[in-house]
């Protein structure tokens, strides 16, 4: 049994990069289930980010991605609390992955909180058009759902991660925050494309 746990810890560590102790804790909490242990570690990362909200991510890098055909590219500013993390290969890999996400999925905003109020108002008006005959409570829920769906397409942190449909970009960042033990944030991004 101990050998099986050690093997699972090794696998979970390779999958997530989380410290051995955290991997062991996650597997014990989730009765040895690797998938649930990954989710547990992601939630720990979310908790870490919540606790570190006031921390300053003062060190960072600009990472780029250019598609092989030279017609689509992206730049991403990624930040961490320490220079040590910001200069690490793992952090660079995360920033590059986010740049690929930007180039591939073409988000317009970082998160729903970054969408200008006038755009939100326009979207609410648009989503309200065909449900005017519904009760107010039902309309509110439908509009919330449509706004959330819209954010999944247009807001980087809410988008589904292009390599894993079970992860959002924010989940991926939480995993890295857990791995590094510090606040990680994407400050801004830009996407360029050559249109015909």
C-alpha atoms as a PDB file:
ATOM      1  CA  UNK A   1       0.000   0.000   0.000  1.00  0.00           C
ATOM      2  CA  UNK A   2       2.835   2.383   0.897  1.00  0.00           C
ATOM      3  CA  UNK A   3       4.540   1.657  -2.436  1.00  0.00           C
ATOM      4  CA  UNK A   4       1.295   2.456  -4.294  1.00  0.00           C
ATOM      5  CA  UNK A   5       0.970   5.779  -2.420  1.00  0.00           C
ATOM      6  CA  UNK A   6       4.578   6.706  -3.218  1.00  0.00           C
ATOM      7  CA  UNK A   7       3.960   5.940  -6.904  1.00  0.00           C
ATOM      8  CA  UNK A   8       0.817   8.100  -6.913  1.00  0.00           C
ATOM      9  CA  UNK A   9       2.661  10.936  -5.157  1.00  0.00           C
ATOM     10  CA  UNK A  10       5.325  10.765  -7.862  1.00  0.00           C
ATOM     11  CA  UNK A  11       2.683  10.855 -10.637  1.00  0.00           C
ATOM     12  CA  UNK A  12       0.767  13.719  -8.995  1.00  0.00           C
ATOM     13  CA  UNK A  13       3.987  15.679  -8.505  1.00  0.00           C
ATOM     14  CA  UNK A  14       4.868  15.233 -12.196  1.00  0.00           C
ATOM     15  CA  UNK A  15       1.364  16.298 -13.250  1.00  0.00           C
ATOM     16  CA  UNK A  16       1.098  19.350 -11.006  1.00  0.00           C
ATOM     17  CA  UNK A  17       4.596  20.290  -9.856  1.00  0.00           C
ATOM     18  CA  UNK A  18       3.214  20.638  -6.317  1.00  0.00           C
ATOM     19  CA  UNK A  19       5.525  19.843  -3.389  1.00  0.00           C
ATOM     20  CA  UNK A  20       5.680  16.200  -2.221  1.00  0.00           C
ATOM     21  CA  UNK A  21       3.986  17.018   1.104  1.00  0.00           C
ATOM     22  CA  UNK A  22       1.047  18.714  -0.636  1.00  0.00           C
ATOM     23  CA  UNK A  23       0.713  15.788  -3.071  1.00  0.00           C
ATOM     24  CA  UNK A  24       0.636  13.329  -0.167  1.00  0.00           C
ATOM     25  CA  UNK A  25      -1.938  15.461   1.671  1.00  0.00           C
ATOM     26  CA  UNK A  26      -4.139  15.700  -1.448  1.00  0.00           C
ATOM     27  CA  UNK A  27      -4.020  11.940  -2.086  1.00  0.00           C
ATOM     28  CA  UNK A  28      -4.811  11.147   1.552  1.00  0.00           C
ATOM     29  CA  UNK A  29      -7.757  13.599   1.558  1.00  0.00           C
ATOM     30  CA  UNK A  30      -9.084  12.164  -1.713  1.00  0.00           C
ATOM     31  CA  UNK A  31      -8.549   8.460  -0.856  1.00  0.00           C
ATOM     32  CA  UNK A  32      -5.845   7.977  -3.499  1.00  0.00           C
ATOM     33  CA  UNK A  33      -7.937   9.309  -6.409  1.00  0.00           C
ATOM     34  CA  UNK A  34      -5.480  11.160  -8.710  1.00  0.00           C
ATOM     35  CA  UNK A  35      -8.088  13.286 -10.518  1.00  0.00           C
ATOM     36  CA  UNK A  36      -9.741  14.433  -7.295  1.00  0.00           C
ATOM     37  CA  UNK A  37      -6.292  15.056  -5.784  1.00  0.00           C
ATOM     38  CA  UNK A  38      -5.470  17.370  -8.722  1.00  0.00           C
ATOM     39  CA  UNK A  39      -8.703  19.289  -8.062  1.00  0.00           C
ATOM     40  CA  UNK A  40      -7.853  19.443  -4.347  1.00  0.00           C
ATOM     41  CA  UNK A  41      -4.437  20.937  -5.174  1.00  0.00           C
ATOM     42  CA  UNK A  42      -6.067  23.454  -7.523  1.00  0.00           C
ATOM     43  CA  UNK A  43      -8.387  24.538  -4.688  1.00  0.00           C
ATOM     44  CA  UNK A  44      -5.399  24.947  -2.376  1.00  0.00           C
ATOM     45  CA  UNK A  45      -3.937  27.220  -5.074  1.00  0.00           C
ATOM     46  CA  UNK A  46      -7.168  29.254  -5.120  1.00  0.00           C
ATOM     47  CA  UNK A  47      -6.991  29.545  -1.331  1.00  0.00           C
ATOM     48  CA  UNK A  48      -3.381  30.669  -1.574  1.00  0.00           C
ATOM     49  CA  UNK A  49      -4.349  33.355  -4.081  1.00  0.00           C
ATOM     50  CA  UNK A  50      -7.164  34.512  -1.788  1.00  0.00           C
ATOM     51  CA  UNK A  51      -4.748  34.796   1.149  1.00  0.00           C
ATOM     52  CA  UNK A  52      -2.169  36.532  -1.045  1.00  0.00           C
ATOM     53  CA  UNK A  53      -4.593  39.024  -2.607  1.00  0.00           C
ATOM     54  CA  UNK A  54      -2.840  41.902  -0.880  1.00  0.00           C
ATOM     55  CA  UNK A  55       0.633  40.645  -1.837  1.00  0.00           C
ATOM     56  CA  UNK A  56       2.429  42.540  -4.563  1.00  0.00           C
ATOM     57  CA  UNK A  57       3.383  40.682  -7.693  1.00  0.00           C
ATOM     58  CA  UNK A  58       6.246  43.084  -8.350  1.00  0.00           C
ATOM     59  CA  UNK A  59       8.459  40.948 -10.563  1.00  0.00           C
ATOM     60  CA  UNK A  60       7.619  39.729 -13.996  1.00  0.00           C
ATOM     61  CA  UNK A  61       8.367  39.012 -17.599  1.00  0.00           C
ATOM     62  CA  UNK A  62       6.967  39.736 -21.028  1.00  0.00           C
ATOM     63  CA  UNK A  63       6.537  36.512 -22.965  1.00  0.00           C
ATOM     64  CA  UNK A  64       5.713  36.176 -26.647  1.00  0.00           C
ATOM     65  CA  UNK A  65       4.279  33.623 -28.990  1.00  0.00           C
ATOM     66  CA  UNK A  66       4.403  33.768 -32.782  1.00  0.00           C
ATOM     67  CA  UNK A  67       2.433  31.203 -34.783  1.00  0.00           C
ATOM     68  CA  UNK A  68       4.507  29.184 -37.280  1.00  0.00           C
ATOM     69  CA  UNK A  69       2.933  30.978 -40.259  1.00  0.00           C
ATOM     70  CA  UNK A  70       3.947  34.382 -38.863  1.00  0.00           C
ATOM     71  CA  UNK A  71       0.385  35.697 -39.142  1.00  0.00           C
ATOM     72  CA  UNK A  72      -0.727  35.535 -35.484  1.00  0.00           C
ATOM     73  CA  UNK A  73       1.192  36.465 -32.367  1.00  0.00           C
ATOM     74  CA  UNK A  74       0.679  37.480 -28.756  1.00  0.00           C
ATOM     75  CA  UNK A  75       2.493  39.229 -25.911  1.00  0.00           C
ATOM     76  CA  UNK A  76       1.690  38.576 -22.250  1.00  0.00           C
ATOM     77  CA  UNK A  77       2.877  40.332 -19.089  1.00  0.00           C
ATOM     78  CA  UNK A  78       3.079  37.760 -16.275  1.00  0.00           C
ATOM     79  CA  UNK A  79       3.909  38.718 -12.683  1.00  0.00           C
ATOM     80  CA  UNK A  80       5.087  36.933  -9.539  1.00  0.00           C
ATOM     81  CA  UNK A  81       6.008  38.069  -6.040  1.00  0.00           C
ATOM     82  CA  UNK A  82       9.712  37.270  -6.310  1.00  0.00           C
ATOM     83  CA  UNK A  83      12.370  37.684  -8.940  1.00  0.00           C
ATOM     84  CA  UNK A  84      13.431  34.090  -8.261  1.00  0.00           C
ATOM     85  CA  UNK A  85      10.048  32.763  -9.471  1.00  0.00           C
ATOM     86  CA  UNK A  86       9.670  35.330 -12.274  1.00  0.00           C
ATOM     87  CA  UNK A  87      12.975  34.240 -13.809  1.00  0.00           C
ATOM     88  CA  UNK A  88      12.367  30.499 -13.492  1.00  0.00           C
ATOM     89  CA  UNK A  89      11.838  28.254 -16.506  1.00  0.00           C
ATOM     90  CA  UNK A  90       8.514  27.028 -15.081  1.00  0.00           C
ATOM     91  CA  UNK A  91       7.194  30.593 -14.858  1.00  0.00           C
ATOM     92  CA  UNK A  92       8.374  31.325 -18.393  1.00  0.00           C
ATOM     93  CA  UNK A  93       6.582  28.159 -19.530  1.00  0.00           C
ATOM     94  CA  UNK A  94       3.345  29.352 -17.892  1.00  0.00           C
ATOM     95  CA  UNK A  95       3.645  32.792 -19.509  1.00  0.00           C
ATOM     96  CA  UNK A  96       4.310  31.181 -22.897  1.00  0.00           C
ATOM     97  CA  UNK A  97       1.286  28.911 -22.482  1.00  0.00           C
ATOM     98  CA  UNK A  98      -0.875  31.958 -21.723  1.00  0.00           C
ATOM     99  CA  UNK A  99       0.528  33.716 -24.810  1.00  0.00           C
ATOM    100  CA  UNK A 100      -0.443  30.692 -26.933  1.00  0.00           C
ATOM    101  CA  UNK A 101      -3.927  30.822 -25.340  1.00  0.00           C
ATOM    102  CA  UNK A 102      -4.241  34.501 -26.292  1.00  0.00           C
ATOM    103  CA  UNK A 103      -3.122  33.858 -29.876  1.00  0.00           C
ATOM    104  CA  UNK A 104      -5.381  30.823 -30.228  1.00  0.00           C
ATOM    105  CA  UNK A 105      -8.555  31.918 -28.424  1.00  0.00           C
ATOM    106  CA  UNK A 106      -8.447  35.696 -29.052  1.00  0.00           C
ATOM    107  CA  UNK A 107      -9.793  37.009 -25.716  1.00  0.00           C
ATOM    108  CA  UNK A 108     -10.782  40.678 -25.579  1.00  0.00           C
ATOM    109  CA  UNK A 109     -10.535  41.246 -21.824  1.00  0.00           C
ATOM    110  CA  UNK A 110      -8.534  39.846 -18.912  1.00  0.00           C
ATOM    111  CA  UNK A 111     -11.598  39.002 -16.797  1.00  0.00           C
ATOM    112  CA  UNK A 112     -15.243  39.976 -16.422  1.00  0.00           C
ATOM    113  CA  UNK A 113     -14.150  42.592 -13.853  1.00  0.00           C
ATOM    114  CA  UNK A 114     -12.083  44.282 -16.584  1.00  0.00           C
ATOM    115  CA  UNK A 115     -14.939  44.608 -19.067  1.00  0.00           C
ATOM    116  CA  UNK A 116     -16.038  48.278 -19.353  1.00  0.00           C
ATOM    117  CA  UNK A 117     -19.435  49.006 -17.782  1.00  0.00           C
ATOM    118  CA  UNK A 118     -20.904  50.203 -21.079  1.00  0.00           C
ATOM    119  CA  UNK A 119     -20.037  46.860 -22.707  1.00  0.00           C
ATOM    120  CA  UNK A 120     -21.690  44.977 -19.820  1.00  0.00           C
ATOM    121  CA  UNK A 121     -24.794  47.178 -20.179  1.00  0.00           C
ATOM    122  CA  UNK A 122     -24.904  46.506 -23.941  1.00  0.00           C
ATOM    123  CA  UNK A 123     -24.578  42.759 -23.361  1.00  0.00           C
ATOM    124  CA  UNK A 124     -27.325  42.762 -20.715  1.00  0.00           C
ATOM    125  CA  UNK A 125     -29.578  44.665 -23.129  1.00  0.00           C
ATOM    126  CA  UNK A 126     -28.758  42.222 -25.929  1.00  0.00           C
ATOM    127  CA  UNK A 127     -29.355  39.169 -23.713  1.00  0.00           C
ATOM    128  CA  UNK A 128     -32.676  40.635 -22.498  1.00  0.00           C
ATOM    129  CA  UNK A 129     -34.227  41.015 -25.942  1.00  0.00           C
ATOM    130  CA  UNK A 130     -35.844  37.621 -26.335  1.00  0.00           C
ATOM    131  CA  UNK A 131     -36.796  36.996 -22.674  1.00  0.00           C
ATOM    132  CA  UNK A 132     -38.902  40.060 -21.866  1.00  0.00           C
ATOM    133  CA  UNK A 133     -42.003  37.911 -21.237  1.00  0.00           C
ATOM    134  CA  UNK A 134     -40.261  35.830 -18.518  1.00  0.00           C
ATOM    135  CA  UNK A 135     -40.622  36.599 -14.781  1.00  0.00           C
ATOM    136  CA  UNK A 136     -37.976  38.995 -13.440  1.00  0.00           C
ATOM    137  CA  UNK A 137     -36.173  36.375 -11.292  1.00  0.00           C
ATOM    138  CA  UNK A 138     -35.942  34.013 -14.275  1.00  0.00           C
ATOM    139  CA  UNK A 139     -34.708  36.843 -16.516  1.00  0.00           C
ATOM    140  CA  UNK A 140     -31.955  37.687 -14.017  1.00  0.00           C
ATOM    141  CA  UNK A 141     -30.745  34.071 -13.926  1.00  0.00           C
ATOM    142  CA  UNK A 142     -30.829  33.746 -17.722  1.00  0.00           C
ATOM    143  CA  UNK A 143     -28.897  37.000 -18.149  1.00  0.00           C
ATOM    144  CA  UNK A 144     -26.312  35.909 -15.545  1.00  0.00           C
ATOM    145  CA  UNK A 145     -25.870  32.598 -17.351  1.00  0.00           C
ATOM    146  CA  UNK A 146     -25.512  34.262 -20.751  1.00  0.00           C
ATOM    147  CA  UNK A 147     -23.048  36.793 -19.358  1.00  0.00           C
ATOM    148  CA  UNK A 148     -21.007  33.961 -17.836  1.00  0.00           C
ATOM    149  CA  UNK A 149     -21.046  32.103 -21.180  1.00  0.00           C
ATOM    150  CA  UNK A 150     -19.982  35.281 -23.000  1.00  0.00           C
ATOM    151  CA  UNK A 151     -17.131  35.768 -20.485  1.00  0.00           C
ATOM    152  CA  UNK A 152     -15.949  32.198 -21.169  1.00  0.00           C
ATOM    153  CA  UNK A 153     -15.417  33.221 -24.778  1.00  0.00           C
ATOM    154  CA  UNK A 154     -14.157  36.800 -24.396  1.00  0.00           C
ATOM    155  CA  UNK A 155     -12.320  36.968 -21.033  1.00  0.00           C
ATOM    156  CA  UNK A 156      -8.895  35.305 -20.815  1.00  0.00           C
ATOM    157  CA  UNK A 157      -9.107  34.099 -17.199  1.00  0.00           C
ATOM    158  CA  UNK A 158     -12.594  32.652 -17.741  1.00  0.00           C
ATOM    159  CA  UNK A 159     -11.737  30.834 -20.971  1.00  0.00           C
ATOM    160  CA  UNK A 160     -11.362  27.080 -21.145  1.00  0.00           C
ATOM    161  CA  UNK A 161      -7.673  26.221 -21.352  1.00  0.00           C
ATOM    162  CA  UNK A 162      -6.995  25.183 -24.945  1.00  0.00           C
ATOM    163  CA  UNK A 163      -5.076  22.032 -23.916  1.00  0.00           C
ATOM    164  CA  UNK A 164      -7.549  20.757 -21.302  1.00  0.00           C
ATOM    165  CA  UNK A 165     -11.290  21.400 -21.492  1.00  0.00           C
ATOM    166  CA  UNK A 166     -11.628  20.596 -17.774  1.00  0.00           C
ATOM    167  CA  UNK A 167      -9.490  23.616 -16.834  1.00  0.00           C
ATOM    168  CA  UNK A 168     -10.069  27.326 -17.075  1.00  0.00           C
ATOM    169  CA  UNK A 169      -7.062  29.606 -17.562  1.00  0.00           C
ATOM    170  CA  UNK A 170      -7.587  30.847 -13.983  1.00  0.00           C
ATOM    171  CA  UNK A 171      -7.339  27.196 -12.778  1.00  0.00           C
ATOM    172  CA  UNK A 172      -4.035  26.818 -14.604  1.00  0.00           C
ATOM    173  CA  UNK A 173      -2.711  29.964 -12.914  1.00  0.00           C
ATOM    174  CA  UNK A 174      -3.938  28.644  -9.536  1.00  0.00           C
ATOM    175  CA  UNK A 175      -1.990  25.425 -10.109  1.00  0.00           C
ATOM    176  CA  UNK A 176       1.194  27.406 -10.722  1.00  0.00           C
ATOM    177  CA  UNK A 177       0.516  29.649  -7.709  1.00  0.00           C
ATOM    178  CA  UNK A 178       0.253  26.506  -5.610  1.00  0.00           C
ATOM    179  CA  UNK A 179       3.441  25.127  -7.134  1.00  0.00           C
ATOM    180  CA  UNK A 180       5.406  28.334  -6.483  1.00  0.00           C
ATOM    181  CA  UNK A 181       3.727  29.198  -3.179  1.00  0.00           C
ATOM    182  CA  UNK A 182       3.193  32.801  -4.211  1.00  0.00           C
ATOM    183  CA  UNK A 183       0.852  35.127  -6.028  1.00  0.00           C
ATOM    184  CA  UNK A 184       0.890  34.816  -9.816  1.00  0.00           C
ATOM    185  CA  UNK A 185      -1.023  37.153 -12.068  1.00  0.00           C
ATOM    186  CA  UNK A 186      -1.409  38.057 -15.688  1.00  0.00           C
ATOM    187  CA  UNK A 187      -1.434  41.852 -15.886  1.00  0.00           C
ATOM    188  CA  UNK A 188      -2.093  42.427 -19.579  1.00  0.00           C
ATOM    189  CA  UNK A 189      -1.886  40.910 -23.001  1.00  0.00           C
ATOM    190  CA  UNK A 190      -2.164  41.821 -26.636  1.00  0.00           C
ATOM    191  CA  UNK A 191      -2.812  39.803 -29.762  1.00  0.00           C
ATOM    192  CA  UNK A 192      -1.763  40.739 -33.286  1.00  0.00           C
ATOM    193  CA  UNK A 193      -2.895  39.138 -36.518  1.00  0.00           C
ATOM    194  CA  UNK A 194      -2.433  39.784 -40.209  1.00  0.00           C
ATOM    195  CA  UNK A 195      -5.863  39.888 -41.835  1.00  0.00           C
ATOM    196  CA  UNK A 196      -6.408  39.317 -45.522  1.00  0.00           C
END
